Amino acid sequence: MYLLDTNHCSRLLQGHLSVTQKLEELGDVLVATCVIVCGELIFMVCKSERRDENLRHIEWFLRDIQVFPVDEQTADIYGRLKCAVLDRFAPRERAKRRKTKTEKLGFSENDLWIAGTAKRYGLTVVSLDSDFERMQEVDDISLERWLSPRVNRLPTEETEEDEEEIGH
């Protein structure tokens, strides 16, 4: 059972061969995403020039994939995971530690929520983001990559080029 992160969802929407082939190989295995990823996809659409077309593609995609919510148990897992990340990677000095933001340590807040959601529902995170690998140093997060960061590299979700290519 898998939870697709935004980078894999966007590649799936683009019809990226390695992602579509992996889905075919999996057959009836649950492949889902979460509300945090939905928000990131909508944000990408809102920044794009082809908003209406891309929004239709996202809405179509979200109708056909299970979307896991954030609930109290997810929030508990998120909080504990964030604390573990700060304990492991933040400065030891108390004054500096209090002011440390997870983003400054290389961890996206959204990725912490995505990891918490995956743990809550017993799913394997499917992502290219390196912060999930670093999270594995503090918690047992199951992680896979269906894309090679070098061979299959496309522009990141932050670029205009990729935003325009959500649905081809």
N, C-alpha and C. Protein backbone atom coordinates (compact mmCIF):
# COMPACT_ATOMS: atom_id res chain seq x y z
N MET A 1 0.84 -1.16 0.00
CA MET A 1 0.00 0.00 0.00
C MET A 1 0.89 1.23 0.00
N TYR A 2 0.58 2.16 -0.87
CA TYR A 2 1.47 3.28 -1.14
C TYR A 2 0.76 4.62 -1.03
N LEU A 3 1.54 5.64 -0.58
CA LEU A 3 1.07 7.01 -0.56
C LEU A 3 1.99 7.82 -1.47
N LEU A 4 1.43 8.31 -2.58
CA LEU A 4 2.22 9.09 -3.53
C LEU A 4 2.39 10.53 -3.05
N ASP A 5 3.64 10.98 -3.06
CA ASP A 5 3.96 12.37 -2.77
C ASP A 5 3.68 13.20 -4.02
N THR A 6 3.75 14.49 -3.90
CA THR A 6 3.42 15.40 -4.99
C THR A 6 4.25 15.14 -6.24
N ASN A 7 5.56 14.89 -6.08
CA ASN A 7 6.39 14.71 -7.27
C ASN A 7 5.98 13.48 -8.07
N HIS A 8 5.54 12.42 -7.41
CA HIS A 8 5.08 11.24 -8.14
C HIS A 8 3.67 11.43 -8.69
N CYS A 9 2.81 12.14 -7.97
CA CYS A 9 1.48 12.45 -8.50
C CYS A 9 1.59 13.29 -9.77
N SER A 10 2.45 14.30 -9.75
CA SER A 10 2.57 15.15 -10.93
C SER A 10 3.15 14.37 -12.10
N ARG A 11 4.09 13.47 -11.84
CA ARG A 11 4.64 12.65 -12.92
C ARG A 11 3.58 11.68 -13.46
N LEU A 12 2.76 11.17 -12.57
CA LEU A 12 1.65 10.30 -13.01
C LEU A 12 0.68 11.08 -13.89
N LEU A 13 0.37 12.29 -13.49
CA LEU A 13 -0.51 13.14 -14.29
C LEU A 13 0.09 13.45 -15.66
N GLN A 14 1.41 13.49 -15.72
CA GLN A 14 2.10 13.74 -16.98
C GLN A 14 2.23 12.47 -17.82
N GLY A 15 1.85 11.32 -17.23
CA GLY A 15 1.97 10.06 -17.94
C GLY A 15 3.39 9.54 -17.99
N HIS A 16 4.20 9.88 -16.99
CA HIS A 16 5.59 9.46 -16.94
C HIS A 16 5.67 7.94 -16.97
N LEU A 17 6.44 7.40 -17.88
CA LEU A 17 6.48 5.97 -18.16
C LEU A 17 6.82 5.11 -16.95
N SER A 18 7.85 5.46 -16.19
CA SER A 18 8.25 4.60 -15.08
C SER A 18 7.18 4.53 -13.99
N VAL A 19 6.45 5.63 -13.80
CA VAL A 19 5.39 5.62 -12.78
C VAL A 19 4.18 4.82 -13.27
N THR A 20 3.79 5.02 -14.50
CA THR A 20 2.64 4.26 -15.02
C THR A 20 2.95 2.77 -15.11
N GLN A 21 4.19 2.42 -15.48
CA GLN A 21 4.58 1.01 -15.52
C GLN A 21 4.54 0.39 -14.12
N LYS A 22 5.01 1.11 -13.14
CA LYS A 22 5.00 0.60 -11.76
C LYS A 22 3.57 0.36 -11.30
N LEU A 23 2.65 1.27 -11.62
CA LEU A 23 1.25 1.07 -11.26
C LEU A 23 0.68 -0.18 -11.92
N GLU A 24 1.03 -0.41 -13.17
CA GLU A 24 0.56 -1.61 -13.87
C GLU A 24 1.12 -2.86 -13.21
N GLU A 25 2.39 -2.84 -12.81
CA GLU A 25 3.02 -3.97 -12.13
C GLU A 25 2.34 -4.28 -10.81
N LEU A 26 1.91 -3.25 -10.09
CA LEU A 26 1.31 -3.42 -8.77
C LEU A 26 -0.08 -4.03 -8.85
N GLY A 27 -0.77 -3.84 -9.95
CA GLY A 27 -2.11 -4.39 -10.09
C GLY A 27 -3.09 -3.76 -9.13
N ASP A 28 -3.70 -4.58 -8.27
CA ASP A 28 -4.75 -4.11 -7.37
C ASP A 28 -4.27 -3.60 -6.02
N VAL A 29 -2.98 -3.41 -5.86
CA VAL A 29 -2.44 -2.87 -4.61
C VAL A 29 -2.91 -1.43 -4.44
N LEU A 30 -3.28 -1.07 -3.22
CA LEU A 30 -3.74 0.29 -2.95
C LEU A 30 -2.64 1.31 -3.20
N VAL A 31 -2.93 2.29 -4.05
CA VAL A 31 -2.06 3.43 -4.29
C VAL A 31 -2.93 4.65 -4.03
N ALA A 32 -2.49 5.47 -3.08
CA ALA A 32 -3.31 6.60 -2.62
C ALA A 32 -2.44 7.84 -2.49
N THR A 33 -3.04 8.91 -2.02
CA THR A 33 -2.32 10.11 -1.65
C THR A 33 -3.00 10.67 -0.40
N CYS A 34 -2.71 11.91 -0.05
CA CYS A 34 -3.30 12.48 1.16
C CYS A 34 -3.70 13.94 0.90
N VAL A 35 -4.44 14.50 1.84
CA VAL A 35 -4.94 15.87 1.67
C VAL A 35 -3.81 16.89 1.55
N ILE A 36 -2.68 16.63 2.17
CA ILE A 36 -1.55 17.55 2.08
C ILE A 36 -1.07 17.62 0.63
N VAL A 37 -0.94 16.47 -0.02
CA VAL A 37 -0.54 16.43 -1.43
C VAL A 37 -1.59 17.11 -2.29
N CYS A 38 -2.86 16.90 -1.99
CA CYS A 38 -3.93 17.58 -2.73
C CYS A 38 -3.72 19.09 -2.68
N GLY A 39 -3.42 19.61 -1.51
CA GLY A 39 -3.16 21.04 -1.37
C GLY A 39 -1.97 21.49 -2.19
N GLU A 40 -0.91 20.70 -2.22
CA GLU A 40 0.26 21.06 -3.01
C GLU A 40 -0.07 21.04 -4.51
N LEU A 41 -0.86 20.08 -4.94
CA LEU A 41 -1.25 20.01 -6.36
C LEU A 41 -2.11 21.21 -6.75
N ILE A 42 -3.05 21.57 -5.89
CA ILE A 42 -3.90 22.74 -6.17
C ILE A 42 -3.05 24.01 -6.20
N PHE A 43 -2.09 24.12 -5.29
CA PHE A 43 -1.19 25.27 -5.29
C PHE A 43 -0.44 25.37 -6.61
N MET A 44 0.07 24.23 -7.12
CA MET A 44 0.77 24.22 -8.40
C MET A 44 -0.15 24.72 -9.52
N VAL A 45 -1.39 24.25 -9.49
CA VAL A 45 -2.36 24.67 -10.51
C VAL A 45 -2.61 26.17 -10.43
N CYS A 46 -2.76 26.69 -9.23
CA CYS A 46 -3.06 28.12 -9.06
C CYS A 46 -1.92 29.00 -9.56
N LYS A 47 -0.70 28.50 -9.56
CA LYS A 47 0.44 29.26 -10.05
C LYS A 47 0.62 29.11 -11.56
N SER A 48 -0.08 28.18 -12.19
CA SER A 48 0.15 27.90 -13.61
C SER A 48 -0.62 28.87 -14.50
N GLU A 49 -0.19 28.95 -15.73
CA GLU A 49 -0.88 29.81 -16.70
C GLU A 49 -2.12 29.12 -17.27
N ARG A 50 -2.12 27.80 -17.30
CA ARG A 50 -3.26 27.04 -17.82
C ARG A 50 -4.09 26.48 -16.66
N ARG A 51 -4.53 27.38 -15.80
CA ARG A 51 -5.21 27.00 -14.56
C ARG A 51 -6.43 26.12 -14.80
N ASP A 52 -7.33 26.52 -15.69
CA ASP A 52 -8.57 25.78 -15.89
C ASP A 52 -8.29 24.36 -16.38
N GLU A 53 -7.43 24.24 -17.37
CA GLU A 53 -7.09 22.92 -17.92
C GLU A 53 -6.41 22.05 -16.86
N ASN A 54 -5.44 22.62 -16.16
CA ASN A 54 -4.74 21.87 -15.13
C ASN A 54 -5.65 21.50 -13.96
N LEU A 55 -6.56 22.40 -13.60
CA LEU A 55 -7.50 22.11 -12.53
C LEU A 55 -8.39 20.92 -12.90
N ARG A 56 -8.84 20.87 -14.15
CA ARG A 56 -9.64 19.72 -14.60
C ARG A 56 -8.86 18.42 -14.47
N HIS A 57 -7.58 18.46 -14.84
CA HIS A 57 -6.75 17.26 -14.72
C HIS A 57 -6.60 16.83 -13.26
N ILE A 58 -6.38 17.79 -12.38
CA ILE A 58 -6.23 17.48 -10.96
C ILE A 58 -7.55 16.92 -10.40
N GLU A 59 -8.66 17.55 -10.72
CA GLU A 59 -9.96 17.06 -10.23
C GLU A 59 -10.23 15.65 -10.72
N TRP A 60 -9.92 15.38 -11.98
CA TRP A 60 -10.09 14.03 -12.54
C TRP A 60 -9.22 13.04 -11.77
N PHE A 61 -7.96 13.41 -11.56
CA PHE A 61 -7.01 12.55 -10.85
C PHE A 61 -7.49 12.25 -9.43
N LEU A 62 -7.95 13.28 -8.72
CA LEU A 62 -8.35 13.10 -7.33
C LEU A 62 -9.64 12.30 -7.18
N ARG A 63 -10.47 12.26 -8.22
CA ARG A 63 -11.67 11.42 -8.19
C ARG A 63 -11.32 9.94 -8.27
N ASP A 64 -10.18 9.63 -8.89
CA ASP A 64 -9.79 8.25 -9.14
C ASP A 64 -8.75 7.69 -8.18
N ILE A 65 -8.38 8.45 -7.16
CA ILE A 65 -7.38 7.97 -6.22
C ILE A 65 -7.90 8.19 -4.80
N GLN A 66 -7.63 7.25 -3.92
CA GLN A 66 -8.03 7.43 -2.53
C GLN A 66 -7.18 8.52 -1.90
N VAL A 67 -7.83 9.40 -1.15
CA VAL A 67 -7.15 10.51 -0.48
C VAL A 67 -7.33 10.33 1.02
N PHE A 68 -6.22 10.11 1.73
CA PHE A 68 -6.29 9.93 3.17
C PHE A 68 -6.33 11.28 3.88
N PRO A 69 -7.16 11.38 4.92
CA PRO A 69 -7.28 12.64 5.67
C PRO A 69 -6.22 12.76 6.75
N VAL A 70 -6.18 13.94 7.34
CA VAL A 70 -5.40 14.18 8.56
C VAL A 70 -6.40 14.14 9.70
N ASP A 71 -6.13 13.29 10.68
CA ASP A 71 -7.01 13.20 11.85
C ASP A 71 -6.17 13.37 13.12
N GLU A 72 -6.79 13.15 14.27
CA GLU A 72 -6.06 13.34 15.54
C GLU A 72 -4.87 12.40 15.67
N GLN A 73 -5.03 11.15 15.23
CA GLN A 73 -3.90 10.21 15.30
C GLN A 73 -2.76 10.65 14.39
N THR A 74 -3.10 11.16 13.21
CA THR A 74 -2.08 11.68 12.29
C THR A 74 -1.36 12.85 12.93
N ALA A 75 -2.11 13.74 13.56
CA ALA A 75 -1.51 14.90 14.23
C ALA A 75 -0.56 14.46 15.34
N ASP A 76 -0.92 13.43 16.08
CA ASP A 76 -0.06 12.91 17.14
C ASP A 76 1.24 12.37 16.54
N ILE A 77 1.13 11.59 15.48
CA ILE A 77 2.32 11.03 14.82
C ILE A 77 3.19 12.15 14.26
N TYR A 78 2.57 13.13 13.61
CA TYR A 78 3.30 14.29 13.08
C TYR A 78 4.08 14.99 14.20
N GLY A 79 3.42 15.28 15.31
CA GLY A 79 4.07 15.98 16.41
C GLY A 79 5.25 15.22 16.97
N ARG A 80 5.09 13.92 17.14
CA ARG A 80 6.19 13.09 17.65
C ARG A 80 7.34 12.99 16.64
N LEU A 81 6.99 12.88 15.36
CA LEU A 81 8.01 12.83 14.32
C LEU A 81 8.78 14.14 14.25
N LYS A 82 8.08 15.26 14.30
CA LYS A 82 8.74 16.56 14.26
C LYS A 82 9.67 16.73 15.46
N CYS A 83 9.22 16.30 16.62
CA CYS A 83 10.05 16.37 17.82
C CYS A 83 11.31 15.52 17.66
N ALA A 84 11.17 14.32 17.11
CA ALA A 84 12.31 13.43 16.90
C ALA A 84 13.29 14.04 15.89
N VAL A 85 12.76 14.67 14.85
CA VAL A 85 13.61 15.32 13.85
C VAL A 85 14.40 16.46 14.51
N LEU A 86 13.73 17.27 15.30
CA LEU A 86 14.42 18.37 15.98
C LEU A 86 15.45 17.85 16.98
N ASP A 87 15.09 16.78 17.72
CA ASP A 87 16.04 16.19 18.67
C ASP A 87 17.30 15.69 17.97
N ARG A 88 17.13 15.14 16.80
CA ARG A 88 18.27 14.55 16.07
C ARG A 88 19.08 15.59 15.31
N PHE A 89 18.42 16.56 14.68
CA PHE A 89 19.10 17.44 13.74
C PHE A 89 19.28 18.89 14.19
N ALA A 90 18.55 19.33 15.21
CA ALA A 90 18.66 20.72 15.66
C ALA A 90 19.91 20.91 16.51
N PRO A 91 20.37 22.15 16.64
CA PRO A 91 21.53 22.42 17.50
C PRO A 91 21.25 21.99 18.94
N ARG A 92 22.28 21.62 19.66
CA ARG A 92 22.12 21.16 21.04
C ARG A 92 21.90 22.31 22.02
N GLU A 93 22.39 23.49 21.67
CA GLU A 93 22.21 24.64 22.55
C GLU A 93 20.74 24.98 22.69
N ARG A 94 20.27 25.06 23.92
CA ARG A 94 18.85 25.29 24.18
C ARG A 94 18.31 26.56 23.52
N ALA A 95 19.04 27.64 23.58
CA ALA A 95 18.59 28.91 23.01
C ALA A 95 18.43 28.80 21.49
N LYS A 96 19.37 28.14 20.84
CA LYS A 96 19.29 27.96 19.39
C LYS A 96 18.20 26.95 19.02
N ARG A 97 18.08 25.91 19.82
CA ARG A 97 17.12 24.84 19.54
C ARG A 97 15.69 25.39 19.52
N ARG A 98 15.36 26.26 20.47
CA ARG A 98 14.00 26.81 20.55
C ARG A 98 13.61 27.59 19.30
N LYS A 99 14.58 28.21 18.66
CA LYS A 99 14.30 29.04 17.49
C LYS A 99 14.45 28.28 16.17
N THR A 100 14.84 27.02 16.23
CA THR A 100 15.10 26.24 15.02
C THR A 100 13.80 25.85 14.33
N LYS A 101 13.73 26.13 13.06
CA LYS A 101 12.59 25.74 12.22
C LYS A 101 12.99 24.51 11.43
N THR A 102 12.05 23.60 11.24
CA THR A 102 12.36 22.36 10.52
C THR A 102 12.84 22.64 9.10
N GLU A 103 12.32 23.69 8.47
CA GLU A 103 12.73 24.03 7.11
C GLU A 103 14.22 24.37 7.05
N LYS A 104 14.73 25.02 8.09
CA LYS A 104 16.16 25.36 8.13
C LYS A 104 17.02 24.11 8.26
N LEU A 105 16.44 23.02 8.71
CA LEU A 105 17.15 21.75 8.83
C LEU A 105 16.98 20.89 7.58
N GLY A 106 16.22 21.40 6.61
CA GLY A 106 16.03 20.66 5.37
C GLY A 106 14.81 19.76 5.35
N PHE A 107 13.85 20.02 6.26
CA PHE A 107 12.63 19.22 6.32
C PHE A 107 11.42 20.09 6.02
N SER A 108 10.67 19.69 5.02
CA SER A 108 9.44 20.40 4.69
C SER A 108 8.36 20.05 5.72
N GLU A 109 7.67 21.06 6.20
CA GLU A 109 6.54 20.81 7.12
C GLU A 109 5.52 19.88 6.45
N ASN A 110 5.24 20.14 5.17
CA ASN A 110 4.28 19.29 4.47
C ASN A 110 4.77 17.84 4.41
N ASP A 111 6.06 17.64 4.20
CA ASP A 111 6.58 16.27 4.15
C ASP A 111 6.48 15.59 5.51
N LEU A 112 6.61 16.34 6.59
CA LEU A 112 6.39 15.75 7.92
C LEU A 112 4.94 15.30 8.07
N TRP A 113 3.99 16.10 7.57
CA TRP A 113 2.58 15.70 7.61
C TRP A 113 2.33 14.49 6.70
N ILE A 114 2.95 14.47 5.54
CA ILE A 114 2.79 13.34 4.62
C ILE A 114 3.34 12.07 5.26
N ALA A 115 4.50 12.15 5.88
CA ALA A 115 5.08 11.00 6.56
C ALA A 115 4.18 10.55 7.71
N GLY A 116 3.64 11.51 8.46
CA GLY A 116 2.72 11.17 9.55
C GLY A 116 1.47 10.47 9.04
N THR A 117 0.96 10.92 7.91
CA THR A 117 -0.22 10.29 7.31
C THR A 117 0.11 8.87 6.86
N ALA A 118 1.26 8.70 6.23
CA ALA A 118 1.67 7.37 5.77
C ALA A 118 1.82 6.42 6.96
N LYS A 119 2.46 6.87 8.02
CA LYS A 119 2.61 6.02 9.21
C LYS A 119 1.25 5.70 9.83
N ARG A 120 0.39 6.67 9.90
CA ARG A 120 -0.94 6.48 10.49
C ARG A 120 -1.72 5.37 9.80
N TYR A 121 -1.62 5.32 8.48
CA TYR A 121 -2.42 4.35 7.72
C TYR A 121 -1.60 3.16 7.22
N GLY A 122 -0.35 3.04 7.66
CA GLY A 122 0.48 1.90 7.30
C GLY A 122 0.85 1.87 5.83
N LEU A 123 1.18 3.04 5.26
CA LEU A 123 1.49 3.15 3.84
C LEU A 123 2.98 3.43 3.63
N THR A 124 3.47 3.06 2.47
CA THR A 124 4.83 3.37 2.05
C THR A 124 4.80 4.68 1.28
N VAL A 125 5.62 5.65 1.70
CA VAL A 125 5.73 6.92 0.99
C VAL A 125 6.49 6.68 -0.31
N VAL A 126 5.96 7.24 -1.40
CA VAL A 126 6.64 7.18 -2.70
C VAL A 126 7.01 8.61 -3.07
N SER A 127 8.32 8.92 -3.01
CA SER A 127 8.76 10.31 -3.19
C SER A 127 10.22 10.36 -3.64
N LEU A 128 10.56 11.46 -4.26
CA LEU A 128 11.95 11.78 -4.60
C LEU A 128 12.61 12.64 -3.52
N ASP A 129 11.82 13.17 -2.59
CA ASP A 129 12.33 14.13 -1.62
C ASP A 129 13.28 13.47 -0.62
N SER A 130 14.46 14.05 -0.49
CA SER A 130 15.49 13.48 0.38
C SER A 130 15.16 13.62 1.86
N ASP A 131 14.27 14.55 2.22
CA ASP A 131 13.97 14.70 3.65
C ASP A 131 13.30 13.45 4.22
N PHE A 132 12.60 12.67 3.38
CA PHE A 132 12.02 11.42 3.88
C PHE A 132 13.12 10.43 4.26
N GLU A 133 14.20 10.39 3.48
CA GLU A 133 15.32 9.51 3.82
C GLU A 133 15.92 9.92 5.17
N ARG A 134 16.05 11.20 5.38
CA ARG A 134 16.60 11.68 6.65
C ARG A 134 15.64 11.39 7.80
N MET A 135 14.33 11.44 7.55
CA MET A 135 13.35 11.10 8.59
C MET A 135 13.53 9.65 9.04
N GLN A 136 13.98 8.80 8.13
CA GLN A 136 14.19 7.39 8.47
C GLN A 136 15.27 7.22 9.54
N GLU A 137 16.09 8.24 9.76
CA GLU A 137 17.09 8.18 10.81
C GLU A 137 16.46 8.26 12.20
N VAL A 138 15.22 8.77 12.27
CA VAL A 138 14.57 8.94 13.57
C VAL A 138 13.29 8.12 13.72
N ASP A 139 12.79 7.55 12.63
CA ASP A 139 11.53 6.80 12.69
C ASP A 139 11.50 5.77 11.57
N ASP A 140 10.66 4.78 11.74
CA ASP A 140 10.57 3.70 10.74
C ASP A 140 9.56 4.06 9.64
N ILE A 141 9.99 4.93 8.75
CA ILE A 141 9.15 5.37 7.64
C ILE A 141 9.51 4.52 6.43
N SER A 142 8.51 3.86 5.88
CA SER A 142 8.72 3.06 4.69
C SER A 142 8.74 3.99 3.48
N LEU A 143 9.75 3.84 2.61
CA LEU A 143 9.95 4.79 1.52
C LEU A 143 10.39 4.07 0.26
N GLU A 144 9.82 4.49 -0.87
CA GLU A 144 10.24 4.00 -2.18
C GLU A 144 10.32 5.17 -3.14
N ARG A 145 11.13 4.97 -4.18
CA ARG A 145 11.21 5.91 -5.31
C ARG A 145 10.88 5.12 -6.55
N TRP A 146 9.93 5.59 -7.30
CA TRP A 146 9.60 4.96 -8.57
C TRP A 146 10.25 5.69 -9.73
N LEU A 147 10.94 6.75 -9.42
CA LEU A 147 11.66 7.56 -10.40
C LEU A 147 13.11 7.65 -9.96
N SER A 148 14.00 7.65 -10.90
CA SER A 148 15.40 7.87 -10.60
C SER A 148 15.64 9.37 -10.61
N PRO A 149 16.25 9.93 -9.57
CA PRO A 149 16.46 11.38 -9.55
C PRO A 149 17.34 11.86 -10.71
N ARG A 150 18.21 11.01 -11.24
CA ARG A 150 19.10 11.44 -12.34
C ARG A 150 18.52 11.09 -13.69
N VAL A 151 18.15 9.83 -13.89
CA VAL A 151 17.71 9.37 -15.20
C VAL A 151 16.36 9.96 -15.59
N ASN A 152 15.43 10.03 -14.64
CA ASN A 152 14.09 10.49 -14.93
C ASN A 152 13.84 11.91 -14.47
N ARG A 153 14.89 12.66 -14.27
CA ARG A 153 14.74 13.99 -13.70
C ARG A 153 13.93 14.91 -14.61
N LEU A 154 12.92 15.51 -14.02
CA LEU A 154 12.12 16.54 -14.66
C LEU A 154 12.22 17.78 -13.79
N PRO A 155 11.80 18.92 -14.27
CA PRO A 155 11.85 20.11 -13.40
C PRO A 155 11.05 19.88 -12.12
N THR A 156 11.46 20.52 -11.05
CA THR A 156 10.76 20.36 -9.78
C THR A 156 9.40 21.03 -9.83
N GLU A 157 8.59 20.73 -8.83
CA GLU A 157 7.26 21.32 -8.76
C GLU A 157 7.32 22.84 -8.64
N GLU A 158 8.47 23.37 -8.31
CA GLU A 158 8.60 24.81 -8.11
C GLU A 158 8.79 25.58 -9.43
N THR A 159 9.05 24.89 -10.53
CA THR A 159 9.31 25.59 -11.77
C THR A 159 8.04 25.80 -12.57
N GLU A 160 8.00 26.87 -13.32
CA GLU A 160 6.84 27.15 -14.16
C GLU A 160 6.69 26.08 -15.23
N GLU A 161 7.80 25.57 -15.75
CA GLU A 161 7.74 24.57 -16.81
C GLU A 161 6.96 23.34 -16.35
N ASP A 162 7.22 22.87 -15.15
CA ASP A 162 6.53 21.70 -14.63
C ASP A 162 5.07 22.01 -14.33
N GLU A 163 4.80 23.20 -13.80
CA GLU A 163 3.42 23.56 -13.50
C GLU A 163 2.55 23.50 -14.72
N GLU A 164 3.10 23.92 -15.84
CA GLU A 164 2.32 23.93 -17.07
C GLU A 164 2.10 22.53 -17.63
N GLU A 165 2.88 21.57 -17.14
CA GLU A 165 2.84 20.23 -17.70
C GLU A 165 2.05 19.25 -16.83
N ILE A 166 1.23 19.73 -15.93
CA ILE A 166 0.51 18.84 -15.04
C ILE A 166 -0.31 17.83 -15.81
N GLY A 167 -1.05 18.26 -16.77
CA GLY A 167 -1.89 17.33 -17.50
C GLY A 167 -1.50 17.23 -18.96
N HIS A 168 -0.29 17.53 -19.30
CA HIS A 168 0.26 17.56 -20.67
C HIS A 168 -0.07 18.84 -21.36
